Every structure is written in structure tokens, then in C-alpha cells.
Amino acid sequence: MAIQALYRSAILEAIKKLGAKAIVTIGGVSKEYPLLNTLQTDDTIKHFVYLENEVGSITSAKLVDSMGRELQTYNTVIEKGQDGLVIVFAIKLEIKEGTQ
């Protein structure tokens, strides 16, 4: 048996569509941000979020679905100045056949 390209593509497309927005905490205040872009290269999916005017200490960033459920989280400390900043949520999937 072998996983066919159509099946692999459908699985990746479904996962890619799950990410809806990001919730980023800056200076202790959490705010929603839209996804700037989503890219898929082979088995890697990347969601991009752009922060423009915000200034302060970023302590967390969460990729969430349309219902606000967390999909991926980063806990960090980044000092954001006047310049823009891109946050990238990236995952690499390995799709393999299971055993019976």
C-alpha cells in the first residue's frame, strides 16, 4: 500500500485551513491579529502574522482556529520597538501509513 498524492494533499490542505488568526500578548495585553499569509512547501506549513505599530514586550503568541482554540503557542520574551515584526508559526508534518 502507498498513500496517494491526492490523499496527502487533502490532509495538508485541511490542516492549513485550520489556522485563522493569532493572539499575541504585548505588555500584558492580549490582542487578535489576522494572518498575513499562509504558505505550504512540501510537508511544511507556515502561518505569518505581522505586527506593525505595537511597542513593548511580547510574552506569548498563539495560533488559533476560528473558534479560538489554540493550535500552536510560543512563550517567549521579545522586545518590540517601532519597526515591524513578523511572527511565523511553522509545522512540518510526516504522513505515513499506519499498521493494521
N, C-alpha and C. Protein backbone atom coordinates (compact mmCIF):
# COMPACT_ATOMS: atom_id res chain seq x y z
N MET A 1 0.84 -1.19 0.00
CA MET A 1 0.00 0.00 0.00
C MET A 1 0.87 1.24 0.00
N ALA A 2 0.30 2.32 -0.52
CA ALA A 2 1.02 3.60 -0.53
C ALA A 2 0.00 4.74 -0.43
N ILE A 3 0.36 5.75 0.32
CA ILE A 3 -0.50 6.94 0.41
C ILE A 3 -0.39 7.70 -0.91
N GLN A 4 -1.51 7.97 -1.52
CA GLN A 4 -1.54 8.64 -2.80
C GLN A 4 -1.43 10.15 -2.63
N ALA A 5 -0.94 10.82 -3.67
CA ALA A 5 -0.72 12.26 -3.64
C ALA A 5 -2.02 13.03 -3.32
N LEU A 6 -3.14 12.58 -3.85
CA LEU A 6 -4.42 13.24 -3.59
C LEU A 6 -4.75 13.22 -2.10
N TYR A 7 -4.55 12.09 -1.46
CA TYR A 7 -4.84 11.94 -0.03
C TYR A 7 -3.91 12.84 0.79
N ARG A 8 -2.63 12.81 0.50
CA ARG A 8 -1.63 13.65 1.19
C ARG A 8 -1.98 15.12 1.03
N SER A 9 -2.31 15.52 -0.19
CA SER A 9 -2.65 16.91 -0.47
C SER A 9 -3.90 17.35 0.30
N ALA A 10 -4.92 16.49 0.36
CA ALA A 10 -6.16 16.82 1.08
C ALA A 10 -5.91 16.96 2.58
N ILE A 11 -5.06 16.11 3.15
CA ILE A 11 -4.73 16.19 4.58
C ILE A 11 -4.02 17.51 4.88
N LEU A 12 -3.02 17.85 4.07
CA LEU A 12 -2.27 19.09 4.28
C LEU A 12 -3.15 20.32 4.10
N GLU A 13 -4.04 20.29 3.11
CA GLU A 13 -4.95 21.41 2.87
C GLU A 13 -5.89 21.62 4.05
N ALA A 14 -6.41 20.55 4.60
CA ALA A 14 -7.31 20.64 5.76
C ALA A 14 -6.58 21.24 6.96
N ILE A 15 -5.36 20.81 7.20
CA ILE A 15 -4.58 21.33 8.32
C ILE A 15 -4.23 22.80 8.08
N LYS A 16 -3.87 23.13 6.86
CA LYS A 16 -3.51 24.51 6.51
C LYS A 16 -4.67 25.47 6.78
N LYS A 17 -5.89 25.04 6.52
CA LYS A 17 -7.07 25.88 6.69
C LYS A 17 -7.48 26.08 8.16
N LEU A 18 -6.94 25.28 9.07
CA LEU A 18 -7.30 25.40 10.48
C LEU A 18 -6.89 26.74 11.10
N GLY A 19 -5.70 27.22 10.78
CA GLY A 19 -5.22 28.47 11.36
C GLY A 19 -6.05 29.64 10.87
N ALA A 20 -6.61 30.42 11.81
CA ALA A 20 -7.48 31.52 11.43
C ALA A 20 -6.93 32.89 11.82
N LYS A 21 -6.23 32.96 12.95
CA LYS A 21 -5.71 34.24 13.44
C LYS A 21 -4.70 33.96 14.54
N ALA A 22 -4.09 35.02 15.04
CA ALA A 22 -3.14 34.89 16.14
C ALA A 22 -3.60 35.75 17.30
N ILE A 23 -3.28 35.32 18.50
CA ILE A 23 -3.48 36.12 19.69
C ILE A 23 -2.09 36.36 20.28
N VAL A 24 -1.69 37.62 20.31
CA VAL A 24 -0.35 38.00 20.74
C VAL A 24 -0.47 38.86 22.00
N THR A 25 0.35 38.55 23.00
CA THR A 25 0.36 39.32 24.24
C THR A 25 1.57 40.25 24.23
N ILE A 26 1.28 41.56 24.26
CA ILE A 26 2.31 42.59 24.27
C ILE A 26 2.06 43.49 25.47
N GLY A 27 3.04 43.61 26.34
CA GLY A 27 2.89 44.44 27.52
C GLY A 27 1.76 43.98 28.42
N GLY A 28 1.52 42.67 28.48
CA GLY A 28 0.48 42.12 29.33
C GLY A 28 -0.92 42.18 28.75
N VAL A 29 -1.07 42.73 27.54
CA VAL A 29 -2.39 42.85 26.90
C VAL A 29 -2.44 41.92 25.69
N SER A 30 -3.45 41.05 25.66
CA SER A 30 -3.63 40.12 24.53
C SER A 30 -4.54 40.74 23.49
N LYS A 31 -4.15 40.59 22.22
CA LYS A 31 -4.91 41.17 21.12
C LYS A 31 -4.89 40.20 19.93
N GLU A 32 -5.99 40.18 19.18
CA GLU A 32 -6.08 39.34 17.99
C GLU A 32 -5.45 40.04 16.79
N TYR A 33 -4.78 39.24 15.97
CA TYR A 33 -4.17 39.74 14.74
C TYR A 33 -4.53 38.79 13.60
N PRO A 34 -4.84 39.33 12.42
CA PRO A 34 -5.13 38.46 11.28
C PRO A 34 -3.84 37.81 10.76
N LEU A 35 -4.00 36.70 10.08
CA LEU A 35 -2.86 36.08 9.42
C LEU A 35 -2.53 36.89 8.18
N LEU A 36 -1.28 37.21 8.01
CA LEU A 36 -0.82 37.94 6.83
C LEU A 36 -0.81 37.02 5.61
N ASN A 37 -0.35 35.79 5.83
CA ASN A 37 -0.22 34.84 4.73
C ASN A 37 -0.06 33.43 5.30
N THR A 38 -0.36 32.44 4.50
CA THR A 38 -0.12 31.05 4.84
C THR A 38 0.53 30.40 3.63
N LEU A 39 1.66 29.75 3.85
CA LEU A 39 2.39 29.09 2.76
C LEU A 39 2.59 27.62 3.08
N GLN A 40 2.54 26.81 2.04
CA GLN A 40 2.85 25.39 2.18
C GLN A 40 3.96 25.04 1.21
N THR A 41 5.01 24.43 1.72
CA THR A 41 6.10 23.93 0.90
C THR A 41 6.31 22.48 1.29
N ASP A 42 6.03 21.59 0.36
CA ASP A 42 6.10 20.16 0.64
C ASP A 42 5.23 19.84 1.86
N ASP A 43 5.83 19.31 2.92
CA ASP A 43 5.07 18.94 4.13
C ASP A 43 5.19 19.97 5.25
N THR A 44 5.61 21.19 4.91
CA THR A 44 5.74 22.26 5.89
C THR A 44 4.69 23.34 5.64
N ILE A 45 4.01 23.74 6.72
CA ILE A 45 3.00 24.80 6.64
C ILE A 45 3.47 25.94 7.53
N LYS A 46 3.43 27.17 6.99
CA LYS A 46 3.83 28.35 7.76
C LYS A 46 2.71 29.38 7.71
N HIS A 47 2.34 29.88 8.89
CA HIS A 47 1.37 30.97 9.03
C HIS A 47 2.15 32.20 9.48
N PHE A 48 1.95 33.34 8.80
CA PHE A 48 2.67 34.57 9.10
C PHE A 48 1.73 35.61 9.70
N VAL A 49 2.21 36.29 10.74
CA VAL A 49 1.47 37.37 11.39
C VAL A 49 2.39 38.58 11.43
N TYR A 50 1.86 39.74 11.03
CA TYR A 50 2.67 40.96 11.01
C TYR A 50 2.20 41.92 12.09
N LEU A 51 3.14 42.37 12.92
CA LEU A 51 2.88 43.39 13.93
C LEU A 51 3.55 44.67 13.48
N GLU A 52 2.78 45.74 13.39
CA GLU A 52 3.33 46.97 12.82
C GLU A 52 3.56 48.06 13.87
N ASN A 53 2.51 48.58 14.46
CA ASN A 53 2.62 49.77 15.32
C ASN A 53 2.82 49.48 16.80
N GLU A 54 2.70 48.24 17.19
CA GLU A 54 2.77 47.90 18.61
C GLU A 54 4.20 48.03 19.12
N VAL A 55 4.33 48.46 20.37
CA VAL A 55 5.64 48.57 21.02
C VAL A 55 5.52 47.95 22.40
N GLY A 56 6.53 47.17 22.80
CA GLY A 56 6.52 46.59 24.14
C GLY A 56 7.11 45.20 24.14
N SER A 57 6.93 44.53 25.26
CA SER A 57 7.48 43.20 25.46
C SER A 57 6.46 42.14 25.05
N ILE A 58 6.80 41.36 24.03
CA ILE A 58 5.94 40.27 23.58
C ILE A 58 6.27 39.05 24.44
N THR A 59 5.26 38.51 25.12
CA THR A 59 5.48 37.37 26.00
C THR A 59 4.86 36.09 25.49
N SER A 60 3.89 36.19 24.59
CA SER A 60 3.33 34.97 24.01
C SER A 60 2.65 35.27 22.68
N ALA A 61 2.58 34.25 21.85
CA ALA A 61 1.87 34.31 20.58
C ALA A 61 1.20 32.96 20.39
N LYS A 62 -0.08 33.00 20.00
CA LYS A 62 -0.84 31.77 19.83
C LYS A 62 -1.52 31.77 18.48
N LEU A 63 -1.38 30.68 17.76
CA LEU A 63 -2.15 30.46 16.53
C LEU A 63 -3.43 29.78 16.96
N VAL A 64 -4.57 30.34 16.55
CA VAL A 64 -5.85 29.77 16.95
C VAL A 64 -6.74 29.52 15.73
N ASP A 65 -7.73 28.64 15.91
CA ASP A 65 -8.69 28.39 14.83
C ASP A 65 -9.82 29.41 14.91
N SER A 66 -10.83 29.27 14.07
CA SER A 66 -11.92 30.25 14.01
C SER A 66 -12.76 30.29 15.28
N MET A 67 -12.66 29.25 16.11
CA MET A 67 -13.41 29.22 17.37
C MET A 67 -12.53 29.61 18.56
N GLY A 68 -11.29 30.05 18.29
CA GLY A 68 -10.39 30.49 19.35
C GLY A 68 -9.62 29.39 20.04
N ARG A 69 -9.69 28.16 19.51
CA ARG A 69 -8.95 27.05 20.12
C ARG A 69 -7.48 27.13 19.72
N GLU A 70 -6.60 26.96 20.70
CA GLU A 70 -5.17 27.06 20.45
C GLU A 70 -4.67 25.89 19.61
N LEU A 71 -3.90 26.23 18.58
CA LEU A 71 -3.29 25.22 17.71
C LEU A 71 -1.79 25.13 17.95
N GLN A 72 -1.17 26.27 18.18
CA GLN A 72 0.28 26.32 18.40
C GLN A 72 0.58 27.54 19.26
N THR A 73 1.50 27.39 20.21
CA THR A 73 1.83 28.51 21.10
C THR A 73 3.33 28.73 21.19
N TYR A 74 3.71 29.97 21.35
CA TYR A 74 5.09 30.36 21.64
C TYR A 74 5.07 31.17 22.92
N ASN A 75 5.86 30.78 23.88
CA ASN A 75 6.07 31.59 25.08
C ASN A 75 7.50 32.08 25.00
N THR A 76 7.67 33.39 24.96
CA THR A 76 8.97 33.98 24.72
C THR A 76 9.00 35.37 25.32
N VAL A 77 10.12 36.02 25.25
CA VAL A 77 10.21 37.44 25.60
C VAL A 77 11.00 38.12 24.49
N ILE A 78 10.29 38.96 23.73
CA ILE A 78 10.90 39.72 22.65
C ILE A 78 10.52 41.18 22.86
N GLU A 79 11.50 42.05 22.85
CA GLU A 79 11.21 43.48 22.94
C GLU A 79 10.92 44.02 21.55
N LYS A 80 9.70 44.48 21.34
CA LYS A 80 9.32 45.03 20.04
C LYS A 80 9.43 46.53 20.08
N GLY A 81 10.22 47.07 19.16
CA GLY A 81 10.36 48.51 19.03
C GLY A 81 9.42 49.06 17.97
N GLN A 82 9.82 50.17 17.37
CA GLN A 82 8.99 50.85 16.37
C GLN A 82 8.91 50.09 15.04
N ASP A 83 9.92 49.29 14.74
CA ASP A 83 9.93 48.56 13.47
C ASP A 83 8.92 47.42 13.49
N GLY A 84 8.49 47.02 12.31
CA GLY A 84 7.56 45.90 12.19
C GLY A 84 8.23 44.58 12.58
N LEU A 85 7.39 43.59 12.86
CA LEU A 85 7.89 42.28 13.27
C LEU A 85 6.96 41.21 12.69
N VAL A 86 7.54 40.16 12.13
CA VAL A 86 6.76 39.04 11.60
C VAL A 86 6.94 37.85 12.53
N ILE A 87 5.83 37.28 12.96
CA ILE A 87 5.84 36.04 13.74
C ILE A 87 5.46 34.91 12.79
N VAL A 88 6.22 33.83 12.82
CA VAL A 88 5.95 32.70 11.93
C VAL A 88 5.62 31.47 12.78
N PHE A 89 4.45 30.91 12.53
CA PHE A 89 4.06 29.63 13.12
C PHE A 89 4.32 28.57 12.05
N ALA A 90 5.26 27.67 12.30
CA ALA A 90 5.63 26.68 11.30
C ALA A 90 5.49 25.27 11.86
N ILE A 91 4.96 24.39 11.04
CA ILE A 91 4.91 22.96 11.40
C ILE A 91 5.35 22.14 10.20
N LYS A 92 5.99 21.03 10.48
CA LYS A 92 6.36 20.07 9.44
C LYS A 92 5.68 18.76 9.79
N LEU A 93 4.95 18.24 8.83
CA LEU A 93 4.18 17.01 9.06
C LEU A 93 4.84 15.84 8.35
N GLU A 94 4.76 14.71 8.99
CA GLU A 94 5.21 13.47 8.38
C GLU A 94 4.00 12.56 8.28
N ILE A 95 3.57 12.32 7.08
CA ILE A 95 2.38 11.49 6.85
C ILE A 95 2.84 10.12 6.42
N LYS A 96 2.52 9.11 7.24
CA LYS A 96 2.93 7.75 6.96
C LYS A 96 1.74 6.80 7.08
N GLU A 97 1.85 5.69 6.43
CA GLU A 97 0.83 4.66 6.57
C GLU A 97 0.89 4.06 7.95
N GLY A 98 -0.26 3.72 8.48
CA GLY A 98 -0.32 3.04 9.76
C GLY A 98 -0.22 1.53 9.56
N THR A 99 -0.13 0.86 10.67
CA THR A 99 -0.11 -0.60 10.61
C THR A 99 -1.50 -1.13 11.00
N GLN A 100 -1.79 -2.29 10.53
CA GLN A 100 -3.11 -2.87 10.81
C GLN A 100 -3.13 -3.59 12.11
